[in-house]
C-alpha cells in the first residue's frame, strides 16, 4: 500500500511471503519459504506525453525458514513517451540484490547485483 505524500511522491510498506509444502519426492528446487518486508518510495512525473518514474525500496528478506535475514534493496527508473489513450514506449532499467531476482538456493546476496535494461512498448486496444 502506497500513500501519496506530495504530488508525484508515494511512500509505503511492502511485504510478501511465499511458501510450499514438500512433495514426497522432494524434487522441487525452491526454498520452503521466501519472505520480504521493505519500505518503498515511488516518484512519477508526466508532462506533454513524456514521463519519468523512479522507484526504490530497502528492507529485509529471508530465503528459507532456517536461513538468517538479509538486507535487500532495489532501484528502478523508466523514461517514457506516451501518445493516445494508452500507448507508450519506455526505456526501463533497474538494479537489485533481492533473492527474488537471483537463485533460490538460499545463497546470501549482499554482494550480488542483478541489473536489467529494456525497452517496453505498450499498445492500447
N, C-alpha and C. Protein backbone atom coordinates (compact mmCIF):
# COMPACT_ATOMS: atom_id res chain seq x y z
N UNK A 1 0.84 -1.16 0.00
CA UNK A 1 0.00 0.00 0.00
C UNK A 1 0.90 1.24 0.00
N UNK A 2 0.67 2.10 -0.96
CA UNK A 2 1.44 3.34 -1.05
C UNK A 2 0.53 4.51 -0.69
N UNK A 3 1.09 5.50 -0.02
CA UNK A 3 0.36 6.70 0.37
C UNK A 3 0.99 7.89 -0.34
N UNK A 4 0.17 8.72 -0.95
CA UNK A 4 0.67 9.91 -1.64
C UNK A 4 0.98 11.00 -0.63
N UNK A 5 2.23 11.44 -0.60
CA UNK A 5 2.66 12.48 0.32
C UNK A 5 2.70 13.85 -0.34
N UNK A 6 3.22 13.89 -1.53
CA UNK A 6 3.33 15.12 -2.32
C UNK A 6 2.94 14.77 -3.75
N UNK A 7 2.66 15.76 -4.59
CA UNK A 7 2.37 15.42 -5.99
C UNK A 7 3.51 14.61 -6.60
N UNK A 8 3.19 13.41 -7.05
CA UNK A 8 4.17 12.54 -7.68
C UNK A 8 4.93 11.62 -6.75
N UNK A 9 4.89 11.86 -5.43
CA UNK A 9 5.66 11.07 -4.48
C UNK A 9 4.75 10.20 -3.63
N UNK A 10 5.07 8.90 -3.58
CA UNK A 10 4.32 7.95 -2.77
C UNK A 10 5.28 7.13 -1.93
N UNK A 11 4.90 6.84 -0.69
CA UNK A 11 5.70 6.02 0.22
C UNK A 11 4.81 4.96 0.84
N UNK A 12 5.42 3.83 1.20
CA UNK A 12 4.63 2.80 1.87
C UNK A 12 5.40 1.53 2.10
N UNK A 13 4.79 0.61 2.85
CA UNK A 13 5.41 -0.69 3.13
C UNK A 13 5.02 -1.72 2.08
N UNK A 14 5.84 -2.76 1.98
CA UNK A 14 5.54 -3.89 1.11
C UNK A 14 5.98 -5.16 1.83
N UNK A 15 5.16 -6.16 1.81
CA UNK A 15 5.51 -7.44 2.41
C UNK A 15 4.97 -8.58 1.59
N UNK A 16 5.70 -9.70 1.59
CA UNK A 16 5.25 -10.88 0.84
C UNK A 16 5.90 -12.12 1.45
N UNK A 17 5.12 -13.18 1.53
CA UNK A 17 5.62 -14.48 1.96
C UNK A 17 5.15 -15.51 0.94
N UNK A 18 6.08 -16.27 0.41
CA UNK A 18 5.78 -17.37 -0.50
C UNK A 18 6.30 -18.65 0.14
N UNK A 19 5.51 -19.70 0.09
CA UNK A 19 5.93 -20.96 0.70
C UNK A 19 5.36 -22.12 -0.09
N UNK A 20 5.90 -23.30 0.14
CA UNK A 20 5.37 -24.50 -0.49
C UNK A 20 5.49 -25.66 0.48
N UNK A 21 4.72 -26.68 0.24
CA UNK A 21 4.77 -27.90 1.04
C UNK A 21 5.57 -28.93 0.25
N UNK A 22 6.51 -29.58 0.88
CA UNK A 22 7.38 -30.54 0.19
C UNK A 22 6.59 -31.73 -0.34
N UNK A 23 6.96 -32.18 -1.52
CA UNK A 23 6.37 -33.38 -2.09
C UNK A 23 7.11 -34.60 -1.56
N UNK A 24 6.55 -35.78 -1.67
CA UNK A 24 7.25 -36.97 -1.19
C UNK A 24 8.60 -37.19 -1.88
N UNK A 25 8.73 -36.73 -3.12
CA UNK A 25 9.98 -36.95 -3.86
C UNK A 25 11.00 -35.84 -3.62
N UNK A 26 10.60 -34.75 -2.97
CA UNK A 26 11.49 -33.62 -2.72
C UNK A 26 12.19 -33.14 -3.98
N UNK A 27 11.50 -33.09 -5.09
CA UNK A 27 12.11 -32.68 -6.35
C UNK A 27 12.00 -31.19 -6.63
N UNK A 28 11.33 -30.44 -5.77
CA UNK A 28 11.15 -29.02 -6.03
C UNK A 28 12.37 -28.26 -5.56
N UNK A 29 12.89 -27.34 -6.37
CA UNK A 29 14.18 -26.72 -6.10
C UNK A 29 14.10 -25.42 -5.29
N UNK A 30 12.94 -24.88 -5.05
CA UNK A 30 12.80 -23.59 -4.39
C UNK A 30 12.96 -23.73 -2.87
N UNK A 31 13.26 -22.62 -2.19
CA UNK A 31 13.30 -22.68 -0.73
C UNK A 31 11.89 -22.95 -0.20
N UNK A 32 11.81 -23.52 1.00
CA UNK A 32 10.49 -23.81 1.54
C UNK A 32 9.72 -22.55 1.92
N UNK A 33 10.43 -21.44 2.10
CA UNK A 33 9.75 -20.17 2.36
C UNK A 33 10.65 -19.03 1.89
N UNK A 34 10.02 -18.02 1.32
CA UNK A 34 10.70 -16.78 0.94
C UNK A 34 9.86 -15.63 1.48
N UNK A 35 10.47 -14.75 2.26
CA UNK A 35 9.71 -13.62 2.79
C UNK A 35 10.51 -12.34 2.60
N UNK A 36 9.79 -11.26 2.39
CA UNK A 36 10.41 -9.95 2.22
C UNK A 36 9.52 -8.90 2.88
N UNK A 37 10.14 -7.94 3.54
CA UNK A 37 9.45 -6.80 4.14
C UNK A 37 10.31 -5.58 3.87
N UNK A 38 9.73 -4.57 3.22
CA UNK A 38 10.54 -3.40 2.86
C UNK A 38 9.71 -2.13 2.89
N UNK A 39 10.41 -1.01 2.94
CA UNK A 39 9.81 0.30 2.74
C UNK A 39 10.06 0.71 1.30
N UNK A 40 9.04 1.29 0.66
CA UNK A 40 9.14 1.66 -0.76
C UNK A 40 8.85 3.14 -0.96
N UNK A 41 9.48 3.69 -1.99
CA UNK A 41 9.21 5.06 -2.43
C UNK A 41 9.08 5.05 -3.94
N UNK A 42 8.10 5.78 -4.45
CA UNK A 42 7.87 5.89 -5.89
C UNK A 42 7.67 7.36 -6.22
N UNK A 43 8.37 7.83 -7.25
CA UNK A 43 8.16 9.19 -7.74
C UNK A 43 7.83 9.10 -9.23
N UNK A 44 6.78 9.79 -9.65
CA UNK A 44 6.44 9.81 -11.07
C UNK A 44 6.08 11.23 -11.50
N UNK A 45 6.43 11.53 -12.74
CA UNK A 45 6.19 12.85 -13.33
C UNK A 45 5.80 12.65 -14.78
N UNK A 46 4.77 13.38 -15.24
CA UNK A 46 4.36 13.32 -16.64
C UNK A 46 4.00 14.71 -17.12
N UNK A 47 4.41 15.00 -18.35
CA UNK A 47 4.06 16.27 -18.96
C UNK A 47 4.17 16.14 -20.47
N UNK A 48 3.09 16.53 -21.16
CA UNK A 48 3.03 16.55 -22.63
C UNK A 48 3.48 15.23 -23.26
N UNK A 49 3.06 14.13 -22.69
CA UNK A 49 3.38 12.82 -23.24
C UNK A 49 4.67 12.21 -22.74
N UNK A 50 5.52 13.00 -22.11
CA UNK A 50 6.78 12.49 -21.57
C UNK A 50 6.59 12.11 -20.10
N UNK A 51 7.30 11.11 -19.65
CA UNK A 51 7.18 10.70 -18.26
C UNK A 51 8.47 10.13 -17.70
N UNK A 52 8.61 10.27 -16.39
CA UNK A 52 9.72 9.68 -15.65
C UNK A 52 9.12 9.01 -14.42
N UNK A 53 9.58 7.80 -14.14
CA UNK A 53 9.14 7.10 -12.94
C UNK A 53 10.36 6.47 -12.29
N UNK A 54 10.53 6.71 -11.00
CA UNK A 54 11.63 6.10 -10.25
C UNK A 54 11.04 5.42 -9.03
N UNK A 55 11.52 4.23 -8.74
CA UNK A 55 11.06 3.52 -7.55
C UNK A 55 12.26 2.92 -6.83
N UNK A 56 12.17 2.86 -5.51
CA UNK A 56 13.25 2.33 -4.70
C UNK A 56 12.67 1.67 -3.46
N UNK A 57 13.40 0.73 -2.92
CA UNK A 57 12.98 0.06 -1.70
C UNK A 57 14.16 -0.53 -0.98
N UNK A 58 14.02 -0.63 0.34
CA UNK A 58 15.05 -1.27 1.15
C UNK A 58 14.35 -1.99 2.29
N UNK A 59 14.88 -3.17 2.63
CA UNK A 59 14.24 -3.95 3.68
C UNK A 59 15.03 -5.20 4.01
N UNK A 60 14.29 -6.22 4.42
CA UNK A 60 14.90 -7.48 4.82
C UNK A 60 14.23 -8.63 4.08
N UNK A 61 15.01 -9.68 3.82
CA UNK A 61 14.47 -10.87 3.18
C UNK A 61 15.02 -12.11 3.88
N UNK A 62 14.25 -13.18 3.80
CA UNK A 62 14.68 -14.47 4.32
C UNK A 62 14.39 -15.51 3.25
N UNK A 63 15.40 -16.24 2.82
CA UNK A 63 15.30 -17.12 1.67
C UNK A 63 14.93 -18.56 2.06
N UNK A 64 14.89 -18.89 3.32
CA UNK A 64 14.47 -20.21 3.80
C UNK A 64 14.06 -20.04 5.26
N UNK A 65 13.20 -20.91 5.76
CA UNK A 65 12.78 -20.74 7.16
C UNK A 65 13.91 -20.98 8.15
N UNK A 66 15.02 -21.57 7.71
CA UNK A 66 16.16 -21.79 8.59
C UNK A 66 17.30 -20.80 8.34
N UNK A 67 17.20 -19.98 7.31
CA UNK A 67 18.26 -19.02 6.97
C UNK A 67 18.08 -17.73 7.76
N UNK A 68 19.16 -16.99 7.90
CA UNK A 68 19.09 -15.70 8.55
C UNK A 68 18.50 -14.64 7.62
N UNK A 69 18.12 -13.53 8.20
CA UNK A 69 17.60 -12.42 7.39
C UNK A 69 18.75 -11.69 6.71
N UNK A 70 18.50 -11.17 5.52
CA UNK A 70 19.49 -10.43 4.74
C UNK A 70 18.90 -9.08 4.36
N UNK A 71 19.74 -8.09 4.22
CA UNK A 71 19.29 -6.80 3.69
C UNK A 71 19.05 -6.94 2.20
N UNK A 72 17.94 -6.38 1.72
CA UNK A 72 17.66 -6.37 0.29
C UNK A 72 17.26 -4.96 -0.10
N UNK A 73 17.54 -4.62 -1.36
CA UNK A 73 17.20 -3.29 -1.86
C UNK A 73 17.00 -3.36 -3.37
N UNK A 74 16.36 -2.35 -3.90
CA UNK A 74 16.20 -2.25 -5.35
C UNK A 74 16.00 -0.79 -5.74
N UNK A 75 16.35 -0.47 -6.98
CA UNK A 75 16.14 0.85 -7.55
C UNK A 75 15.82 0.67 -9.02
N UNK A 76 14.81 1.37 -9.49
CA UNK A 76 14.43 1.28 -10.90
C UNK A 76 14.02 2.64 -11.44
N UNK A 77 14.18 2.82 -12.73
CA UNK A 77 13.81 4.08 -13.37
C UNK A 77 13.26 3.78 -14.76
N UNK A 78 12.30 4.60 -15.19
CA UNK A 78 11.73 4.46 -16.54
C UNK A 78 11.56 5.85 -17.14
N UNK A 79 11.97 6.02 -18.37
CA UNK A 79 11.76 7.24 -19.14
C UNK A 79 10.81 6.86 -20.27
N UNK A 80 9.66 7.54 -20.34
CA UNK A 80 8.62 7.10 -21.27
C UNK A 80 8.12 8.24 -22.15
N UNK A 81 7.55 7.82 -23.27
CA UNK A 81 6.87 8.74 -24.19
C UNK A 81 5.54 8.08 -24.53
N UNK A 82 4.44 8.76 -24.20
CA UNK A 82 3.12 8.22 -24.45
C UNK A 82 2.37 9.03 -25.48
N UNK A 83 1.39 8.38 -26.12
CA UNK A 83 0.52 9.05 -27.07
C UNK A 83 -0.83 8.34 -27.05
N UNK A 84 -1.85 9.04 -27.43
CA UNK A 84 -3.18 8.44 -27.42
C UNK A 84 -3.63 8.13 -26.00
N UNK A 85 -4.64 7.27 -25.90
CA UNK A 85 -5.21 6.96 -24.60
C UNK A 85 -4.34 6.03 -23.76
N UNK A 86 -3.67 5.07 -24.39
CA UNK A 86 -2.94 4.07 -23.61
C UNK A 86 -1.74 3.50 -24.37
N UNK A 87 -1.06 4.32 -25.14
CA UNK A 87 0.11 3.87 -25.90
C UNK A 87 1.36 4.46 -25.27
N UNK A 88 2.42 3.65 -25.23
CA UNK A 88 3.64 4.13 -24.58
C UNK A 88 4.84 3.32 -25.04
N UNK A 89 5.96 3.98 -25.14
CA UNK A 89 7.25 3.32 -25.29
C UNK A 89 8.13 3.86 -24.17
N UNK A 90 8.88 2.97 -23.52
CA UNK A 90 9.67 3.39 -22.36
C UNK A 90 11.01 2.67 -22.34
N UNK A 91 12.03 3.39 -21.93
CA UNK A 91 13.34 2.82 -21.64
C UNK A 91 13.36 2.57 -20.13
N UNK A 92 13.56 1.33 -19.72
CA UNK A 92 13.49 0.97 -18.31
C UNK A 92 14.79 0.32 -17.86
N UNK A 93 15.14 0.53 -16.61
CA UNK A 93 16.32 -0.08 -16.04
C UNK A 93 16.16 -0.25 -14.55
N UNK A 94 16.86 -1.24 -14.00
CA UNK A 94 16.80 -1.46 -12.56
C UNK A 94 18.05 -2.18 -12.09
N UNK A 95 18.28 -2.10 -10.78
CA UNK A 95 19.36 -2.83 -10.13
C UNK A 95 18.83 -3.28 -8.77
N UNK A 96 19.18 -4.50 -8.36
CA UNK A 96 18.70 -5.04 -7.10
C UNK A 96 19.66 -6.10 -6.57
N UNK A 97 19.54 -6.39 -5.30
CA UNK A 97 20.22 -7.56 -4.74
C UNK A 97 19.20 -8.51 -4.13
N UNK A 98 17.93 -8.36 -4.49
CA UNK A 98 16.88 -9.21 -3.96
C UNK A 98 17.04 -10.66 -4.42
N UNK A 99 16.86 -11.58 -3.52
CA UNK A 99 16.93 -13.00 -3.88
C UNK A 99 15.79 -13.38 -4.80
N UNK A 100 14.72 -12.60 -4.84
CA UNK A 100 13.64 -12.86 -5.78
C UNK A 100 14.12 -12.78 -7.22
N UNK A 101 15.21 -12.08 -7.46
CA UNK A 101 15.77 -11.94 -8.80
C UNK A 101 16.97 -12.85 -9.01
N UNK A 102 17.32 -13.64 -8.01
CA UNK A 102 18.51 -14.49 -8.10
C UNK A 102 18.12 -15.96 -8.04
N UNK A 103 19.03 -16.76 -7.60
CA UNK A 103 18.75 -18.19 -7.45
C UNK A 103 17.89 -18.42 -6.22
N UNK A 104 17.37 -19.59 -6.11
CA UNK A 104 16.51 -19.93 -4.97
C UNK A 104 17.20 -20.92 -4.05
N UNK A 105 18.52 -20.86 -3.96
CA UNK A 105 19.26 -21.83 -3.17
C UNK A 105 19.55 -21.36 -1.76
N UNK A 106 19.14 -20.16 -1.39
CA UNK A 106 19.44 -19.64 -0.07
C UNK A 106 20.79 -18.97 0.01
N UNK A 107 21.47 -18.79 -1.10
CA UNK A 107 22.76 -18.12 -1.12
C UNK A 107 22.61 -16.68 -0.67
N UNK A 108 23.51 -16.23 0.19
CA UNK A 108 23.43 -14.85 0.64
C UNK A 108 23.71 -13.91 -0.53
N UNK A 109 23.03 -12.76 -0.56
CA UNK A 109 23.06 -11.91 -1.75
C UNK A 109 23.67 -10.54 -1.52
N UNK A 110 24.37 -10.31 -0.41
CA UNK A 110 24.91 -8.98 -0.16
C UNK A 110 25.81 -8.49 -1.29
N UNK A 111 26.59 -9.37 -1.89
CA UNK A 111 27.50 -8.97 -2.96
C UNK A 111 26.90 -9.15 -4.34
N UNK A 112 25.72 -9.71 -4.40
CA UNK A 112 25.08 -9.96 -5.69
C UNK A 112 24.40 -8.69 -6.20
N UNK A 113 24.51 -8.44 -7.49
CA UNK A 113 23.80 -7.32 -8.13
C UNK A 113 23.15 -7.84 -9.39
N UNK A 114 21.87 -7.65 -9.50
CA UNK A 114 21.12 -8.07 -10.68
C UNK A 114 20.66 -6.81 -11.38
N UNK A 115 21.02 -6.66 -12.65
CA UNK A 115 20.71 -5.45 -13.40
C UNK A 115 19.82 -5.80 -14.58
N UNK A 116 18.92 -4.88 -14.92
CA UNK A 116 18.11 -5.05 -16.12
C UNK A 116 18.09 -3.74 -16.89
N UNK A 117 17.98 -3.85 -18.18
CA UNK A 117 17.82 -2.71 -19.07
C UNK A 117 16.92 -3.18 -20.20
N UNK A 118 15.89 -2.41 -20.49
CA UNK A 118 14.97 -2.87 -21.52
C UNK A 118 14.20 -1.75 -22.18
N UNK A 119 13.52 -2.11 -23.23
CA UNK A 119 12.64 -1.21 -23.96
C UNK A 119 11.25 -1.81 -23.89
N UNK A 120 10.30 -1.05 -23.36
CA UNK A 120 8.92 -1.53 -23.19
C UNK A 120 8.01 -0.79 -24.16
N UNK A 121 7.16 -1.54 -24.85
CA UNK A 121 6.19 -0.96 -25.78
C UNK A 121 4.80 -1.41 -25.36
N UNK A 122 3.90 -0.46 -25.20
CA UNK A 122 2.52 -0.77 -24.83
C UNK A 122 1.59 -0.17 -25.87
N UNK A 123 0.74 -1.00 -26.47
CA UNK A 123 -0.22 -0.57 -27.47
C UNK A 123 -1.62 -0.78 -26.91
N UNK A 124 -2.34 0.31 -26.69
CA UNK A 124 -3.72 0.21 -26.21
C UNK A 124 -4.65 -0.24 -27.33
N UNK A 125 -5.64 -1.01 -26.97
CA UNK A 125 -6.59 -1.52 -27.96
C UNK A 125 -7.93 -0.81 -27.84
